Amino acid sequence: MLEVRTLPIPRIRVPVKRLKTLEPGRVASLSESILEEGQKTPIRVRADGDGYILIEGLHRIEALKALGEETVEGFVVRSQQH
């Protein structure tokens, strides 16, 4: 079972390919929601050395950054070996 952890945003790397999907309007809307209700859904990352690589939750991270937050709630998942 996955456990929610508090992760430092600066240690989360966002793949360039994922950054291309960023929608500023969605970030603004999500920022308002987080201000009113808090972060509802944890992001998903995988461990990478002393940091993490984002799997899911780009807009949540960007919304929290816009609000000046330093941490995000998230799940650390194992990378799959093929």
PDB file of N, CA and C in Angstrom:
ATOM      1  N   MET A   1       0.842  -1.192   0.000  1.00  0.00           N
ATOM      2  CA  MET A   1       0.000   0.000   0.000  1.00  0.00           C
ATOM      3  C   MET A   1       0.882   1.249   0.000  1.00  0.00           C
ATOM      4  N   LEU A   2       0.506   2.218  -0.796  1.00  0.00           N
ATOM      5  CA  LEU A   2       1.287   3.457  -0.889  1.00  0.00           C
ATOM      6  C   LEU A   2       0.993   4.360   0.294  1.00  0.00           C
ATOM      7  N   GLU A   3       2.017   5.048   0.733  1.00  0.00           N
ATOM      8  CA  GLU A   3       1.907   5.975   1.851  1.00  0.00           C
ATOM      9  C   GLU A   3       2.147   7.401   1.349  1.00  0.00           C
ATOM     10  N   VAL A   4       1.277   8.323   1.749  1.00  0.00           N
ATOM     11  CA  VAL A   4       1.448   9.718   1.352  1.00  0.00           C
ATOM     12  C   VAL A   4       2.625  10.309   2.129  1.00  0.00           C
ATOM     13  N   ARG A   5       3.511  10.969   1.408  1.00  0.00           N
ATOM     14  CA  ARG A   5       4.677  11.628   2.023  1.00  0.00           C
ATOM     15  C   ARG A   5       4.668  13.109   1.684  1.00  0.00           C
ATOM     16  N   THR A   6       5.313  13.884   2.513  1.00  0.00           N
ATOM     17  CA  THR A   6       5.522  15.299   2.225  1.00  0.00           C
ATOM     18  C   THR A   6       6.871  15.408   1.526  1.00  0.00           C
ATOM     19  N   LEU A   7       6.844  15.914   0.291  1.00  0.00           N
ATOM     20  CA  LEU A   7       8.042  15.965  -0.541  1.00  0.00           C
ATOM     21  C   LEU A   7       8.455  17.409  -0.811  1.00  0.00           C
ATOM     22  N   PRO A   8       9.766  17.687  -0.808  1.00  0.00           N
ATOM     23  CA  PRO A   8      10.239  19.033  -1.134  1.00  0.00           C
ATOM     24  C   PRO A   8      10.127  19.297  -2.642  1.00  0.00           C
ATOM     25  N   ILE A   9       9.393  20.319  -3.010  1.00  0.00           N
ATOM     26  CA  ILE A   9       9.171  20.632  -4.426  1.00  0.00           C
ATOM     27  C   ILE A   9      10.479  20.833  -5.198  1.00  0.00           C
ATOM     28  N   PRO A  10      11.484  21.519  -4.641  1.00  0.00           N
ATOM     29  CA  PRO A  10      12.720  21.723  -5.412  1.00  0.00           C
ATOM     30  C   PRO A  10      13.452  20.428  -5.788  1.00  0.00           C
ATOM     31  N   ARG A  11      13.169  19.328  -5.103  1.00  0.00           N
ATOM     32  CA  ARG A  11      13.842  18.057  -5.395  1.00  0.00           C
ATOM     33  C   ARG A  11      13.075  17.211  -6.417  1.00  0.00           C
ATOM     34  N   ILE A  12      11.974  17.757  -6.960  1.00  0.00           N
ATOM     35  CA  ILE A  12      11.184  17.031  -7.947  1.00  0.00           C
ATOM     36  C   ILE A  12      11.509  17.559  -9.341  1.00  0.00           C
ATOM     37  N   ARG A  13      11.998  16.664 -10.191  1.00  0.00           N
ATOM     38  CA  ARG A  13      12.342  17.038 -11.564  1.00  0.00           C
ATOM     39  C   ARG A  13      11.166  16.698 -12.475  1.00  0.00           C
ATOM     40  N   VAL A  14      10.816  17.658 -13.314  1.00  0.00           N
ATOM     41  CA  VAL A  14       9.713  17.462 -14.263  1.00  0.00           C
ATOM     42  C   VAL A  14      10.323  17.217 -15.645  1.00  0.00           C
ATOM     43  N   PRO A  15      10.016  16.066 -16.252  1.00  0.00           N
ATOM     44  CA  PRO A  15      10.542  15.798 -17.600  1.00  0.00           C
ATOM     45  C   PRO A  15      10.084  16.876 -18.592  1.00  0.00           C
ATOM     46  N   VAL A  16      10.974  17.247 -19.508  1.00  0.00           N
ATOM     47  CA  VAL A  16      10.692  18.291 -20.493  1.00  0.00           C
ATOM     48  C   VAL A  16       9.425  17.969 -21.289  1.00  0.00           C
ATOM     49  N   LYS A  17       9.263  16.729 -21.657  1.00  0.00           N
ATOM     50  CA  LYS A  17       8.088  16.310 -22.426  1.00  0.00           C
ATOM     51  C   LYS A  17       6.798  16.638 -21.664  1.00  0.00           C
ATOM     52  N   ARG A  18       6.812  16.449 -20.360  1.00  0.00           N
ATOM     53  CA  ARG A  18       5.637  16.712 -19.527  1.00  0.00           C
ATOM     54  C   ARG A  18       5.383  18.220 -19.426  1.00  0.00           C
ATOM     55  N   LEU A  19       6.436  19.021 -19.372  1.00  0.00           N
ATOM     56  CA  LEU A  19       6.276  20.482 -19.266  1.00  0.00           C
ATOM     57  C   LEU A  19       5.507  21.063 -20.444  1.00  0.00           C
ATOM     58  N   LYS A  20       5.611  20.405 -21.596  1.00  0.00           N
ATOM     59  CA  LYS A  20       4.921  20.890 -22.792  1.00  0.00           C
ATOM     60  C   LYS A  20       3.406  20.805 -22.661  1.00  0.00           C
ATOM     61  N   THR A  21       2.911  20.034 -21.688  1.00  0.00           N
ATOM     62  CA  THR A  21       1.464  19.866 -21.501  1.00  0.00           C
ATOM     63  C   THR A  21       0.884  20.859 -20.502  1.00  0.00           C
ATOM     64  N   LEU A  22       1.708  21.759 -19.980  1.00  0.00           N
ATOM     65  CA  LEU A  22       1.267  22.706 -18.953  1.00  0.00           C
ATOM     66  C   LEU A  22       0.244  23.709 -19.507  1.00  0.00           C
ATOM     67  N   GLU A  23      -0.871  23.846 -18.794  1.00  0.00           N
ATOM     68  CA  GLU A  23      -1.926  24.783 -19.161  1.00  0.00           C
ATOM     69  C   GLU A  23      -2.033  25.851 -18.069  1.00  0.00           C
ATOM     70  N   PRO A  24      -1.571  27.095 -18.319  1.00  0.00           N
ATOM     71  CA  PRO A  24      -1.578  28.148 -17.304  1.00  0.00           C
ATOM     72  C   PRO A  24      -2.957  28.411 -16.685  1.00  0.00           C
ATOM     73  N   GLY A  25      -4.010  28.347 -17.478  1.00  0.00           N
ATOM     74  CA  GLY A  25      -5.356  28.568 -16.938  1.00  0.00           C
ATOM     75  C   GLY A  25      -5.745  27.514 -15.914  1.00  0.00           C
ATOM     76  N   ARG A  26      -5.352  26.300 -16.175  1.00  0.00           N
ATOM     77  CA  ARG A  26      -5.640  25.209 -15.246  1.00  0.00           C
ATOM     78  C   ARG A  26      -4.857  25.381 -13.944  1.00  0.00           C
ATOM     79  N   VAL A  27      -3.615  25.878 -14.050  1.00  0.00           N
ATOM     80  CA  VAL A  27      -2.797  26.131 -12.859  1.00  0.00           C
ATOM     81  C   VAL A  27      -3.462  27.200 -11.991  1.00  0.00           C
ATOM     82  N   ALA A  28      -3.942  28.269 -12.604  1.00  0.00           N
ATOM     83  CA  ALA A  28      -4.600  29.352 -11.867  1.00  0.00           C
ATOM     84  C   ALA A  28      -5.852  28.848 -11.157  1.00  0.00           C
ATOM     85  N   SER A  29      -6.644  28.081 -11.847  1.00  0.00           N
ATOM     86  CA  SER A  29      -7.863  27.523 -11.266  1.00  0.00           C
ATOM     87  C   SER A  29      -7.543  26.584 -10.106  1.00  0.00           C
ATOM     88  N   LEU A  30      -6.550  25.757 -10.293  1.00  0.00           N
ATOM     89  CA  LEU A  30      -6.145  24.821  -9.255  1.00  0.00           C
ATOM     90  C   LEU A  30      -5.561  25.554  -8.042  1.00  0.00           C
ATOM     91  N   SER A  31      -4.835  26.649  -8.281  1.00  0.00           N
ATOM     92  CA  SER A  31      -4.298  27.453  -7.178  1.00  0.00           C
ATOM     93  C   SER A  31      -5.418  27.959  -6.285  1.00  0.00           C
ATOM     94  N   GLU A  32      -6.490  28.451  -6.894  1.00  0.00           N
ATOM     95  CA  GLU A  32      -7.644  28.928  -6.121  1.00  0.00           C
ATOM     96  C   GLU A  32      -8.254  27.795  -5.308  1.00  0.00           C
ATOM     97  N   SER A  33      -8.404  26.646  -5.928  1.00  0.00           N
ATOM     98  CA  SER A  33      -8.983  25.487  -5.247  1.00  0.00           C
ATOM     99  C   SER A  33      -8.121  25.059  -4.062  1.00  0.00           C
ATOM    100  N   ILE A  34      -6.817  25.050  -4.251  1.00  0.00           N
ATOM    101  CA  ILE A  34      -5.902  24.657  -3.172  1.00  0.00           C
ATOM    102  C   ILE A  34      -5.963  25.663  -2.034  1.00  0.00           C
ATOM    103  N   LEU A  35      -6.080  26.947  -2.361  1.00  0.00           N
ATOM    104  CA  LEU A  35      -6.210  27.962  -1.312  1.00  0.00           C
ATOM    105  C   LEU A  35      -7.457  27.732  -0.460  1.00  0.00           C
ATOM    106  N   GLU A  36      -8.549  27.385  -1.102  1.00  0.00           N
ATOM    107  CA  GLU A  36      -9.819  27.204  -0.409  1.00  0.00           C
ATOM    108  C   GLU A  36      -9.934  25.861   0.301  1.00  0.00           C
ATOM    109  N   GLU A  37      -9.452  24.795  -0.334  1.00  0.00           N
ATOM    110  CA  GLU A  37      -9.699  23.450   0.184  1.00  0.00           C
ATOM    111  C   GLU A  37      -8.449  22.634   0.498  1.00  0.00           C
ATOM    112  N   GLY A  38      -7.274  23.136   0.148  1.00  0.00           N
ATOM    113  CA  GLY A  38      -6.051  22.370   0.337  1.00  0.00           C
ATOM    114  C   GLY A  38      -5.820  21.412  -0.823  1.00  0.00           C
ATOM    115  N   GLN A  39      -4.696  20.734  -0.793  1.00  0.00           N
ATOM    116  CA  GLN A  39      -4.368  19.766  -1.842  1.00  0.00           C
ATOM    117  C   GLN A  39      -5.156  18.492  -1.573  1.00  0.00           C
ATOM    118  N   LYS A  40      -6.028  18.139  -2.482  1.00  0.00           N
ATOM    119  CA  LYS A  40      -6.891  16.964  -2.312  1.00  0.00           C
ATOM    120  C   LYS A  40      -6.235  15.667  -2.771  1.00  0.00           C
ATOM    121  N   THR A  41      -5.532  15.721  -3.896  1.00  0.00           N
ATOM    122  CA  THR A  41      -4.986  14.512  -4.508  1.00  0.00           C
ATOM    123  C   THR A  41      -3.462  14.562  -4.495  1.00  0.00           C
ATOM    124  N   PRO A  42      -2.815  13.541  -3.936  1.00  0.00           N
ATOM    125  CA  PRO A  42      -1.349  13.509  -3.938  1.00  0.00           C
ATOM    126  C   PRO A  42      -0.808  13.326  -5.361  1.00  0.00           C
ATOM    127  N   ILE A  43       0.379  13.859  -5.601  1.00  0.00           N
ATOM    128  CA  ILE A  43       1.065  13.638  -6.865  1.00  0.00           C
ATOM    129  C   ILE A  43       1.714  12.254  -6.818  1.00  0.00           C
ATOM    130  N   ARG A  44       2.281  11.825  -7.935  1.00  0.00           N
ATOM    131  CA  ARG A  44       3.040  10.570  -7.979  1.00  0.00           C
ATOM    132  C   ARG A  44       4.424  10.866  -8.552  1.00  0.00           C
ATOM    133  N   VAL A  45       5.428  10.342  -7.868  1.00  0.00           N
ATOM    134  CA  VAL A  45       6.816  10.499  -8.304  1.00  0.00           C
ATOM    135  C   VAL A  45       7.519   9.155  -8.171  1.00  0.00           C
ATOM    136  N   ARG A  46       8.686   9.064  -8.797  1.00  0.00           N
ATOM    137  CA  ARG A  46       9.549   7.914  -8.548  1.00  0.00           C
ATOM    138  C   ARG A  46      10.893   8.448  -8.077  1.00  0.00           C
ATOM    139  N   ALA A  47      11.540   7.688  -7.218  1.00  0.00           N
ATOM    140  CA  ALA A  47      12.839   8.092  -6.682  1.00  0.00           C
ATOM    141  C   ALA A  47      13.878   8.095  -7.792  1.00  0.00           C
ATOM    142  N   ASP A  48      14.794   9.075  -7.719  1.00  0.00           N
ATOM    143  CA  ASP A  48      15.874   9.199  -8.689  1.00  0.00           C
ATOM    144  C   ASP A  48      17.070   9.802  -7.970  1.00  0.00           C
ATOM    145  N   GLY A  49      17.976   8.970  -7.501  1.00  0.00           N
ATOM    146  CA  GLY A  49      19.118   9.465  -6.747  1.00  0.00           C
ATOM    147  C   GLY A  49      18.650  10.101  -5.455  1.00  0.00           C
ATOM    148  N   ASP A  50      19.015  11.356  -5.242  1.00  0.00           N
ATOM    149  CA  ASP A  50      18.588  12.053  -4.019  1.00  0.00           C
ATOM    150  C   ASP A  50      17.336  12.904  -4.255  1.00  0.00           C
ATOM    151  N   GLY A  51      16.697  12.726  -5.415  1.00  0.00           N
ATOM    152  CA  GLY A  51      15.489  13.482  -5.727  1.00  0.00           C
ATOM    153  C   GLY A  51      14.403  12.580  -6.269  1.00  0.00           C
ATOM    154  N   TYR A  52      13.514  13.189  -7.036  1.00  0.00           N
ATOM    155  CA  TYR A  52      12.365  12.472  -7.579  1.00  0.00           C
ATOM    156  C   TYR A  52      12.096  12.925  -9.010  1.00  0.00           C
ATOM    157  N   ILE A  53      11.434  12.071  -9.769  1.00  0.00           N
ATOM    158  CA  ILE A  53      10.981  12.423 -11.113  1.00  0.00           C
ATOM    159  C   ILE A  53       9.459  12.361 -11.100  1.00  0.00           C
ATOM    160  N   LEU A  54       8.839  13.407 -11.596  1.00  0.00           N
ATOM    161  CA  LEU A  54       7.386  13.487 -11.614  1.00  0.00           C
ATOM    162  C   LEU A  54       6.782  12.477 -12.585  1.00  0.00           C
ATOM    163  N   ILE A  55       5.774  11.779 -12.108  1.00  0.00           N
ATOM    164  CA  ILE A  55       5.008  10.866 -12.954  1.00  0.00           C
ATOM    165  C   ILE A  55       3.649  11.484 -13.247  1.00  0.00           C
ATOM    166  N   GLU A  56       3.009  12.020 -12.214  1.00  0.00           N
ATOM    167  CA  GLU A  56       1.664  12.579 -12.348  1.00  0.00           C
ATOM    168  C   GLU A  56       1.486  13.727 -11.359  1.00  0.00           C
ATOM    169  N   GLY A  57       0.956  14.868 -11.834  1.00  0.00           N
ATOM    170  CA  GLY A  57       0.664  15.975 -10.932  1.00  0.00           C
ATOM    171  C   GLY A  57       1.326  17.292 -11.276  1.00  0.00           C
ATOM    172  N   LEU A  58       1.671  17.490 -12.540  1.00  0.00           N
ATOM    173  CA  LEU A  58       2.344  18.724 -12.962  1.00  0.00           C
ATOM    174  C   LEU A  58       1.569  19.973 -12.555  1.00  0.00           C
ATOM    175  N   HIS A  59       0.271  20.011 -12.826  1.00  0.00           N
ATOM    176  CA  HIS A  59      -0.512  21.207 -12.530  1.00  0.00           C
ATOM    177  C   HIS A  59      -0.608  21.459 -11.023  1.00  0.00           C
ATOM    178  N   ARG A  60      -0.658  20.396 -10.225  1.00  0.00           N
ATOM    179  CA  ARG A  60      -0.676  20.565  -8.765  1.00  0.00           C
ATOM    180  C   ARG A  60       0.632  21.162  -8.266  1.00  0.00           C
ATOM    181  N   ILE A  61       1.760  20.672  -8.790  1.00  0.00           N
ATOM    182  CA  ILE A  61       3.062  21.223  -8.384  1.00  0.00           C
ATOM    183  C   ILE A  61       3.160  22.693  -8.777  1.00  0.00           C
ATOM    184  N   GLU A  62       2.785  23.016 -10.000  1.00  0.00           N
ATOM    185  CA  GLU A  62       2.882  24.397 -10.469  1.00  0.00           C
ATOM    186  C   GLU A  62       1.945  25.315  -9.679  1.00  0.00           C
ATOM    187  N   ALA A  63       0.771  24.819  -9.318  1.00  0.00           N
ATOM    188  CA  ALA A  63      -0.153  25.620  -8.504  1.00  0.00           C
ATOM    189  C   ALA A  63       0.437  25.884  -7.128  1.00  0.00           C
ATOM    190  N   LEU A  64       1.043  24.868  -6.532  1.00  0.00           N
ATOM    191  CA  LEU A  64       1.658  25.045  -5.211  1.00  0.00           C
ATOM    192  C   LEU A  64       2.852  25.994  -5.290  1.00  0.00           C
ATOM    193  N   LYS A  65       3.639  25.912  -6.361  1.00  0.00           N
ATOM    194  CA  LYS A  65       4.753  26.849  -6.553  1.00  0.00           C
ATOM    195  C   LYS A  65       4.225  28.276  -6.649  1.00  0.00           C
ATOM    196  N   ALA A  66       3.136  28.460  -7.397  1.00  0.00           N
ATOM    197  CA  ALA A  66       2.547  29.790  -7.560  1.00  0.00           C
ATOM    198  C   ALA A  66       2.075  30.348  -6.221  1.00  0.00           C
ATOM    199  N   LEU A  67       1.700  29.464  -5.320  1.00  0.00           N
ATOM    200  CA  LEU A  67       1.241  29.888  -3.987  1.00  0.00           C
ATOM    201  C   LEU A  67       2.406  30.054  -3.006  1.00  0.00           C
ATOM    202  N   GLY A  68       3.625  29.781  -3.466  1.00  0.00           N
ATOM    203  CA  GLY A  68       4.800  29.948  -2.618  1.00  0.00           C
ATOM    204  C   GLY A  68       5.083  28.771  -1.699  1.00  0.00           C
ATOM    205  N   GLU A  69       4.464  27.634  -1.959  1.00  0.00           N
ATOM    206  CA  GLU A  69       4.674  26.450  -1.122  1.00  0.00           C
ATOM    207  C   GLU A  69       6.012  25.799  -1.445  1.00  0.00           C
ATOM    208  N   GLU A  70       6.601  25.164  -0.457  1.00  0.00           N
ATOM    209  CA  GLU A  70       7.884  24.483  -0.621  1.00  0.00           C
ATOM    210  C   GLU A  70       7.742  22.969  -0.659  1.00  0.00           C
ATOM    211  N   THR A  71       6.564  22.449  -0.249  1.00  0.00           N
ATOM    212  CA  THR A  71       6.359  21.008  -0.205  1.00  0.00           C
ATOM    213  C   THR A  71       5.049  20.626  -0.890  1.00  0.00           C
ATOM    214  N   VAL A  72       4.941  19.343  -1.222  1.00  0.00           N
ATOM    215  CA  VAL A  72       3.753  18.796  -1.872  1.00  0.00           C
ATOM    216  C   VAL A  72       3.512  17.403  -1.284  1.00  0.00           C
ATOM    217  N   GLU A  73       2.263  17.020  -1.155  1.00  0.00           N
ATOM    218  CA  GLU A  73       1.929  15.676  -0.706  1.00  0.00           C
ATOM    219  C   GLU A  73       1.992  14.751  -1.913  1.00  0.00           C
ATOM    220  N   GLY A  74       2.641  13.591  -1.751  1.00  0.00           N
ATOM    221  CA  GLY A  74       2.755  12.694  -2.885  1.00  0.00           C
ATOM    222  C   GLY A  74       3.041  11.258  -2.514  1.00  0.00           C
ATOM    223  N   PHE A  75       2.871  10.402  -3.508  1.00  0.00           N
ATOM    224  CA  PHE A  75       3.208   8.990  -3.400  1.00  0.00           C
ATOM    225  C   PHE A  75       4.526   8.764  -4.111  1.00  0.00           C
ATOM    226  N   VAL A  76       5.422   8.002  -3.504  1.00  0.00           N
ATOM    227  CA  VAL A  76       6.654   7.574  -4.167  1.00  0.00           C
ATOM    228  C   VAL A  76       6.405   6.150  -4.642  1.00  0.00           C
ATOM    229  N   VAL A  77       6.404   5.971  -5.947  1.00  0.00           N
ATOM    230  CA  VAL A  77       6.144   4.643  -6.523  1.00  0.00           C
ATOM    231  C   VAL A  77       7.430   4.051  -7.083  1.00  0.00           C
ATOM    232  N   ARG A  78       7.452   2.755  -7.189  1.00  0.00           N
ATOM    233  CA  ARG A  78       8.627   2.082  -7.753  1.00  0.00           C
ATOM    234  C   ARG A  78       8.574   2.156  -9.257  1.00  0.00           C
ATOM    235  N   SER A  79       9.739   2.307  -9.877  1.00  0.00           N
ATOM    236  CA  SER A  79       9.773   2.284 -11.331  1.00  0.00           C
ATOM    237  C   SER A  79       9.664   0.833 -11.785  1.00  0.00           C
ATOM    238  N   GLN A  80       9.021   0.632 -12.897  1.00  0.00           N
ATOM    239  CA  GLN A  80       8.825  -0.727 -13.404  1.00  0.00           C
ATOM    240  C   GLN A  80       9.988  -1.125 -14.297  1.00  0.00           C
ATOM    241  N   GLN A  81      10.450  -2.341 -14.101  1.00  0.00           N
ATOM    242  CA  GLN A  81      11.516  -2.889 -14.931  1.00  0.00           C
ATOM    243  C   GLN A  81      10.882  -3.695 -16.060  1.00  0.00           C
ATOM    244  N   HIS A  82      11.296  -3.457 -17.291  1.00  0.00           N
ATOM    245  CA  HIS A  82      10.745  -4.199 -18.435  1.00  0.00           C
ATOM    246  C   HIS A  82      11.733  -5.216 -18.912  1.00  0.00           C
TER     247      HIS A  82
END
